[in-house]
PDB file of all heavy atoms in Angstrom:
ATOM      1  N   ARG A   1       1.688   2.100  -2.275  1.00  0.00           N
ATOM      2  CA  ARG A   1       1.642   2.185  -3.732  1.00  0.00           C
ATOM      3  C   ARG A   1       0.215   2.435  -4.210  1.00  0.00           C
ATOM      4  O   ARG A   1      -0.741   2.139  -3.511  1.00  0.00           O
ATOM      5  CB  ARG A   1       2.238   0.944  -4.374  1.00  0.00           C
ATOM      6  CG  ARG A   1       1.496  -0.323  -4.109  1.00  0.00           C
ATOM      7  CD  ARG A   1       2.293  -1.525  -4.571  1.00  0.00           C
ATOM      8  NE  ARG A   1       1.453  -2.389  -5.373  1.00  0.00           N
ATOM      9  CZ  ARG A   1       1.805  -3.576  -5.808  1.00  0.00           C
ATOM     10  NH1 ARG A   1       3.007  -4.047  -5.563  1.00  0.00           N
ATOM     11  NH2 ARG A   1       0.986  -4.303  -6.522  1.00  0.00           N
ATOM     12  N   ILE A   2       0.123   3.009  -5.398  1.00  0.00           N
ATOM     13  CA  ILE A   2      -1.163   3.258  -6.050  1.00  0.00           C
ATOM     14  C   ILE A   2      -1.544   1.975  -6.791  1.00  0.00           C
ATOM     15  O   ILE A   2      -0.751   1.473  -7.589  1.00  0.00           O
ATOM     16  CB  ILE A   2      -1.062   4.412  -7.073  1.00  0.00           C
ATOM     17  CG1 ILE A   2      -0.487   5.669  -6.447  1.00  0.00           C
ATOM     18  CG2 ILE A   2      -2.420   4.663  -7.735  1.00  0.00           C
ATOM     19  CD1 ILE A   2      -1.309   6.282  -5.372  1.00  0.00           C
ATOM     20  N   ILE A   3      -2.742   1.462  -6.513  1.00  0.00           N
ATOM     21  CA  ILE A   3      -3.142   0.240  -7.218  1.00  0.00           C
ATOM     22  C   ILE A   3      -4.288   0.459  -8.196  1.00  0.00           C
ATOM     23  O   ILE A   3      -4.560  -0.403  -9.027  1.00  0.00           O
ATOM     24  CB  ILE A   3      -3.480  -0.914  -6.250  1.00  0.00           C
ATOM     25  CG1 ILE A   3      -4.630  -0.565  -5.327  1.00  0.00           C
ATOM     26  CG2 ILE A   3      -2.242  -1.327  -5.473  1.00  0.00           C
ATOM     27  CD1 ILE A   3      -5.167  -1.761  -4.540  1.00  0.00           C
ATOM     28  N   ASP A   4      -4.956   1.618  -8.093  1.00  0.00           N
ATOM     29  CA  ASP A   4      -6.035   1.915  -9.029  1.00  0.00           C
ATOM     30  C   ASP A   4      -6.310   3.407  -8.967  1.00  0.00           C
ATOM     31  O   ASP A   4      -6.030   4.059  -7.958  1.00  0.00           O
ATOM     32  CB  ASP A   4      -7.286   1.119  -8.657  1.00  0.00           C
ATOM     33  CG  ASP A   4      -8.267   0.955  -9.811  1.00  0.00           C
ATOM     34  OD1 ASP A   4      -7.950   1.384 -10.948  1.00  0.00           O
ATOM     35  OD2 ASP A   4      -9.352   0.398  -9.582  1.00  0.00           O
ATOM     36  N   PHE A   5      -6.858   3.947 -10.046  1.00  0.00           N
ATOM     37  CA  PHE A   5      -7.234   5.359 -10.056  1.00  0.00           C
ATOM     38  C   PHE A   5      -8.171   5.615 -11.215  1.00  0.00           C
ATOM     39  O   PHE A   5      -8.264   4.835 -12.158  1.00  0.00           O
ATOM     40  CB  PHE A   5      -5.994   6.265 -10.144  1.00  0.00           C
ATOM     41  CG  PHE A   5      -5.292   6.219 -11.475  1.00  0.00           C
ATOM     42  CD1 PHE A   5      -5.512   7.211 -12.416  1.00  0.00           C
ATOM     43  CD2 PHE A   5      -4.427   5.188 -11.780  1.00  0.00           C
ATOM     44  CE1 PHE A   5      -4.874   7.169 -13.649  1.00  0.00           C
ATOM     45  CE2 PHE A   5      -3.783   5.129 -12.998  1.00  0.00           C
ATOM     46  CZ  PHE A   5      -4.013   6.126 -13.947  1.00  0.00           C
ATOM     47  N   ASP A   6      -8.908   6.709 -11.109  1.00  0.00           N
ATOM     48  CA  ASP A   6      -9.703   7.209 -12.229  1.00  0.00           C
ATOM     49  C   ASP A   6      -9.591   8.731 -12.204  1.00  0.00           C
ATOM     50  O   ASP A   6      -8.712   9.278 -11.531  1.00  0.00           O
ATOM     51  CB  ASP A   6     -11.140   6.683 -12.210  1.00  0.00           C
ATOM     52  CG  ASP A   6     -11.975   7.143 -11.034  1.00  0.00           C
ATOM     53  OD1 ASP A   6     -11.595   8.133 -10.352  1.00  0.00           O
ATOM     54  OD2 ASP A   6     -13.029   6.531 -10.788  1.00  0.00           O
ATOM     55  N   ALA A   7     -10.450   9.417 -12.895  1.00  0.00           N
ATOM     56  CA  ALA A   7     -10.341  10.870 -13.042  1.00  0.00           C
ATOM     57  C   ALA A   7     -10.493  11.633 -11.730  1.00  0.00           C
ATOM     58  O   ALA A   7      -9.989  12.746 -11.602  1.00  0.00           O
ATOM     59  CB  ALA A   7     -11.384  11.363 -14.042  1.00  0.00           C
ATOM     60  N   LYS A   8     -11.146  11.019 -10.719  1.00  0.00           N
ATOM     61  CA  LYS A   8     -11.453  11.736  -9.485  1.00  0.00           C
ATOM     62  C   LYS A   8     -11.008  11.037  -8.208  1.00  0.00           C
ATOM     63  O   LYS A   8     -11.123  11.611  -7.125  1.00  0.00           O
ATOM     64  CB  LYS A   8     -12.971  11.961  -9.388  1.00  0.00           C
ATOM     65  CG  LYS A   8     -13.549  12.773 -10.523  1.00  0.00           C
ATOM     66  CD  LYS A   8     -15.054  12.883 -10.370  1.00  0.00           C
ATOM     67  CE  LYS A   8     -15.663  13.654 -11.524  1.00  0.00           C
ATOM     68  NZ  LYS A   8     -17.121  13.808 -11.341  1.00  0.00           N
ATOM     69  N   ARG A   9     -10.532   9.784  -8.315  1.00  0.00           N
ATOM     70  CA  ARG A   9     -10.224   8.989  -7.124  1.00  0.00           C
ATOM     71  C   ARG A   9      -8.985   8.141  -7.362  1.00  0.00           C
ATOM     72  O   ARG A   9      -8.641   7.851  -8.499  1.00  0.00           O
ATOM     73  CB  ARG A   9     -11.370   8.029  -6.799  1.00  0.00           C
ATOM     74  CG  ARG A   9     -12.716   8.642  -6.718  1.00  0.00           C
ATOM     75  CD  ARG A   9     -13.790   7.593  -6.713  1.00  0.00           C
ATOM     76  NE  ARG A   9     -13.797   6.870  -7.986  1.00  0.00           N
ATOM     77  CZ  ARG A   9     -14.594   5.875  -8.285  1.00  0.00           C
ATOM     78  NH1 ARG A   9     -15.467   5.442  -7.425  1.00  0.00           N
ATOM     79  NH2 ARG A   9     -14.539   5.293  -9.465  1.00  0.00           N
ATOM     80  N   PHE A  10      -8.371   7.701  -6.265  1.00  0.00           N
ATOM     81  CA  PHE A  10      -7.342   6.678  -6.385  1.00  0.00           C
ATOM     82  C   PHE A  10      -7.346   5.791  -5.149  1.00  0.00           C
ATOM     83  O   PHE A  10      -7.869   6.162  -4.101  1.00  0.00           O
ATOM     84  CB  PHE A  10      -5.950   7.263  -6.670  1.00  0.00           C
ATOM     85  CG  PHE A  10      -5.365   8.118  -5.580  1.00  0.00           C
ATOM     86  CD1 PHE A  10      -4.537   7.575  -4.609  1.00  0.00           C
ATOM     87  CD2 PHE A  10      -5.605   9.483  -5.559  1.00  0.00           C
ATOM     88  CE1 PHE A  10      -3.968   8.374  -3.628  1.00  0.00           C
ATOM     89  CE2 PHE A  10      -5.044  10.286  -4.587  1.00  0.00           C
ATOM     90  CZ  PHE A  10      -4.223   9.729  -3.620  1.00  0.00           C
ATOM     91  N   VAL A  11      -6.793   4.595  -5.325  1.00  0.00           N
ATOM     92  CA  VAL A  11      -6.710   3.618  -4.248  1.00  0.00           C
ATOM     93  C   VAL A  11      -5.241   3.405  -3.905  1.00  0.00           C
ATOM     94  O   VAL A  11      -4.430   3.097  -4.778  1.00  0.00           O
ATOM     95  CB  VAL A  11      -7.345   2.268  -4.649  1.00  0.00           C
ATOM     96  CG1 VAL A  11      -7.235   1.258  -3.515  1.00  0.00           C
ATOM     97  CG2 VAL A  11      -8.797   2.460  -5.074  1.00  0.00           C
ATOM     98  N   LEU A  12      -4.934   3.589  -2.626  1.00  0.00           N
ATOM     99  CA  LEU A  12      -3.599   3.293  -2.101  1.00  0.00           C
ATOM    100  C   LEU A  12      -3.641   1.941  -1.411  1.00  0.00           C
ATOM    101  O   LEU A  12      -4.613   1.627  -0.713  1.00  0.00           O
ATOM    102  CB  LEU A  12      -3.202   4.312  -1.033  1.00  0.00           C
ATOM    103  CG  LEU A  12      -2.843   5.721  -1.422  1.00  0.00           C
ATOM    104  CD1 LEU A  12      -2.685   6.563  -0.166  1.00  0.00           C
ATOM    105  CD2 LEU A  12      -1.563   5.734  -2.207  1.00  0.00           C
ATOM    106  N   HIS A  13      -2.593   1.165  -1.568  1.00  0.00           N
ATOM    107  CA  HIS A  13      -2.433  -0.067  -0.801  1.00  0.00           C
ATOM    108  C   HIS A  13      -1.145   0.064  -0.020  1.00  0.00           C
ATOM    109  O   HIS A  13      -0.135   0.541  -0.545  1.00  0.00           O
ATOM    110  CB  HIS A  13      -2.362  -1.294  -1.715  1.00  0.00           C
ATOM    111  CG  HIS A  13      -2.251  -2.562  -0.946  1.00  0.00           C
ATOM    112  ND1 HIS A  13      -1.051  -3.075  -0.542  1.00  0.00           N
ATOM    113  CD2 HIS A  13      -3.191  -3.415  -0.482  1.00  0.00           C
ATOM    114  CE1 HIS A  13      -1.246  -4.195   0.125  1.00  0.00           C
ATOM    115  NE2 HIS A  13      -2.542  -4.415   0.184  1.00  0.00           N
ATOM    116  N   GLN A  14      -1.187  -0.355   1.241  1.00  0.00           N
ATOM    117  CA  GLN A  14      -0.010  -0.258   2.096  1.00  0.00           C
ATOM    118  C   GLN A  14       0.266  -1.580   2.790  1.00  0.00           C
ATOM    119  O   GLN A  14      -0.667  -2.289   3.179  1.00  0.00           O
ATOM    120  CB  GLN A  14      -0.218   0.825   3.161  1.00  0.00           C
ATOM    121  CG  GLN A  14      -0.412   2.199   2.564  1.00  0.00           C
ATOM    122  CD  GLN A  14      -0.727   3.232   3.615  1.00  0.00           C
ATOM    123  OE1 GLN A  14      -1.758   3.155   4.276  1.00  0.00           O
ATOM    124  NE2 GLN A  14       0.160   4.204   3.777  1.00  0.00           N
ATOM    125  N   GLU A  15       1.552  -1.882   2.921  1.00  0.00           N
ATOM    126  CA  GLU A  15       1.992  -3.031   3.700  1.00  0.00           C
ATOM    127  C   GLU A  15       2.879  -2.529   4.825  1.00  0.00           C
ATOM    128  O   GLU A  15       3.846  -1.802   4.576  1.00  0.00           O
ATOM    129  CB  GLU A  15       2.766  -4.027   2.835  1.00  0.00           C
ATOM    130  CG  GLU A  15       1.906  -4.733   1.824  1.00  0.00           C
ATOM    131  CD  GLU A  15       2.621  -5.864   1.112  1.00  0.00           C
ATOM    132  OE1 GLU A  15       3.843  -6.049   1.299  1.00  0.00           O
ATOM    133  OE2 GLU A  15       1.936  -6.588   0.366  1.00  0.00           O
ATOM    134  N   MET A  16       2.539  -2.909   6.056  1.00  0.00           N
ATOM    135  CA  MET A  16       3.346  -2.561   7.224  1.00  0.00           C
ATOM    136  C   MET A  16       4.211  -3.772   7.572  1.00  0.00           C
ATOM    137  O   MET A  16       3.677  -4.855   7.855  1.00  0.00           O
ATOM    138  CB  MET A  16       2.451  -2.205   8.414  1.00  0.00           C
ATOM    139  CG  MET A  16       3.221  -1.846   9.676  1.00  0.00           C
ATOM    140  SD  MET A  16       2.119  -1.597  11.095  1.00  0.00           S
ATOM    141  CE  MET A  16       1.293  -0.083  10.633  1.00  0.00           C
ATOM    142  N   ILE A  17       5.510  -3.569   7.525  1.00  0.00           N
ATOM    143  CA  ILE A  17       6.469  -4.639   7.802  1.00  0.00           C
ATOM    144  C   ILE A  17       7.104  -4.396   9.161  1.00  0.00           C
ATOM    145  O   ILE A  17       7.547  -3.288   9.466  1.00  0.00           O
ATOM    146  CB  ILE A  17       7.571  -4.671   6.709  1.00  0.00           C
ATOM    147  CG1 ILE A  17       6.961  -4.765   5.302  1.00  0.00           C
ATOM    148  CG2 ILE A  17       8.574  -5.787   6.985  1.00  0.00           C
ATOM    149  CD1 ILE A  17       6.135  -5.988   5.042  1.00  0.00           C
ATOM    150  N   ASP A  18       7.181  -5.442   9.971  1.00  0.00           N
ATOM    151  CA  ASP A  18       7.891  -5.391  11.246  1.00  0.00           C
ATOM    152  C   ASP A  18       9.359  -5.664  10.938  1.00  0.00           C
ATOM    153  O   ASP A  18       9.725  -6.764  10.509  1.00  0.00           O
ATOM    154  CB  ASP A  18       7.320  -6.448  12.192  1.00  0.00           C
ATOM    155  CG  ASP A  18       7.908  -6.388  13.582  1.00  0.00           C
ATOM    156  OD1 ASP A  18       9.033  -5.881  13.756  1.00  0.00           O
ATOM    157  OD2 ASP A  18       7.233  -6.869  14.513  1.00  0.00           O
ATOM    158  N   ASP A  19      10.200  -4.663  11.116  1.00  0.00           N
ATOM    159  CA  ASP A  19      11.605  -4.776  10.721  1.00  0.00           C
ATOM    160  C   ASP A  19      12.410  -5.751  11.579  1.00  0.00           C
ATOM    161  O   ASP A  19      13.514  -6.130  11.191  1.00  0.00           O
ATOM    162  CB  ASP A  19      12.269  -3.395  10.725  1.00  0.00           C
ATOM    163  CG  ASP A  19      11.723  -2.481   9.651  1.00  0.00           C
ATOM    164  OD1 ASP A  19      11.221  -2.992   8.632  1.00  0.00           O
ATOM    165  OD2 ASP A  19      11.794  -1.251   9.828  1.00  0.00           O
ATOM    166  N   ARG A  20      11.870  -6.168  12.726  1.00  0.00           N
ATOM    167  CA  ARG A  20      12.593  -7.156  13.542  1.00  0.00           C
ATOM    168  C   ARG A  20      12.860  -8.426  12.750  1.00  0.00           C
ATOM    169  O   ARG A  20      13.919  -9.008  12.840  1.00  0.00           O
ATOM    170  CB  ARG A  20      11.789  -7.543  14.787  1.00  0.00           C
ATOM    171  CG  ARG A  20      11.816  -6.562  15.900  1.00  0.00           C
ATOM    172  CD  ARG A  20      10.983  -7.056  17.059  1.00  0.00           C
ATOM    173  NE  ARG A  20       9.638  -7.380  16.570  1.00  0.00           N
ATOM    174  CZ  ARG A  20       8.839  -8.287  17.105  1.00  0.00           C
ATOM    175  NH1 ARG A  20       9.214  -8.970  18.150  1.00  0.00           N
ATOM    176  NH2 ARG A  20       7.643  -8.503  16.613  1.00  0.00           N
ATOM    177  N   ASP A  21      11.860  -8.847  11.979  1.00  0.00           N
ATOM    178  CA  ASP A  21      11.998 -10.110  11.252  1.00  0.00           C
ATOM    179  C   ASP A  21      11.521 -10.032   9.808  1.00  0.00           C
ATOM    180  O   ASP A  21      11.498 -11.036   9.106  1.00  0.00           O
ATOM    181  CB  ASP A  21      11.266 -11.230  11.986  1.00  0.00           C
ATOM    182  CG  ASP A  21       9.793 -10.933  12.207  1.00  0.00           C
ATOM    183  OD1 ASP A  21       9.282  -9.940  11.649  1.00  0.00           O
ATOM    184  OD2 ASP A  21       9.151 -11.697  12.945  1.00  0.00           O
ATOM    185  N   GLY A  22      11.117  -8.856   9.366  1.00  0.00           N
ATOM    186  CA  GLY A  22      10.665  -8.685   7.983  1.00  0.00           C
ATOM    187  C   GLY A  22       9.279  -9.226   7.699  1.00  0.00           C
ATOM    188  O   GLY A  22       8.871  -9.315   6.542  1.00  0.00           O
ATOM    189  N   ALA A  23       8.529  -9.551   8.737  1.00  0.00           N
ATOM    190  CA  ALA A  23       7.202 -10.142   8.553  1.00  0.00           C
ATOM    191  C   ALA A  23       6.143  -9.064   8.350  1.00  0.00           C
ATOM    192  O   ALA A  23       6.243  -7.950   8.871  1.00  0.00           O
ATOM    193  CB  ALA A  23       6.835 -10.994   9.768  1.00  0.00           C
ATOM    194  N   LEU A  24       5.122  -9.419   7.600  1.00  0.00           N
ATOM    195  CA  LEU A  24       3.987  -8.533   7.380  1.00  0.00           C
ATOM    196  C   LEU A  24       3.188  -8.412   8.676  1.00  0.00           C
ATOM    197  O   LEU A  24       2.775  -9.409   9.257  1.00  0.00           O
ATOM    198  CB  LEU A  24       3.097  -9.091   6.265  1.00  0.00           C
ATOM    199  CG  LEU A  24       1.884  -8.255   5.894  1.00  0.00           C
ATOM    200  CD1 LEU A  24       2.306  -6.937   5.251  1.00  0.00           C
ATOM    201  CD2 LEU A  24       0.977  -9.038   4.949  1.00  0.00           C
TER     202      LEU A  24
END
């Protein structure tokens, strides 16, 4: 997801989930 941006840049944040147990 996009968590911040301005006219020339943006910040993406990502969470990787292990689907075996739904843990981060």
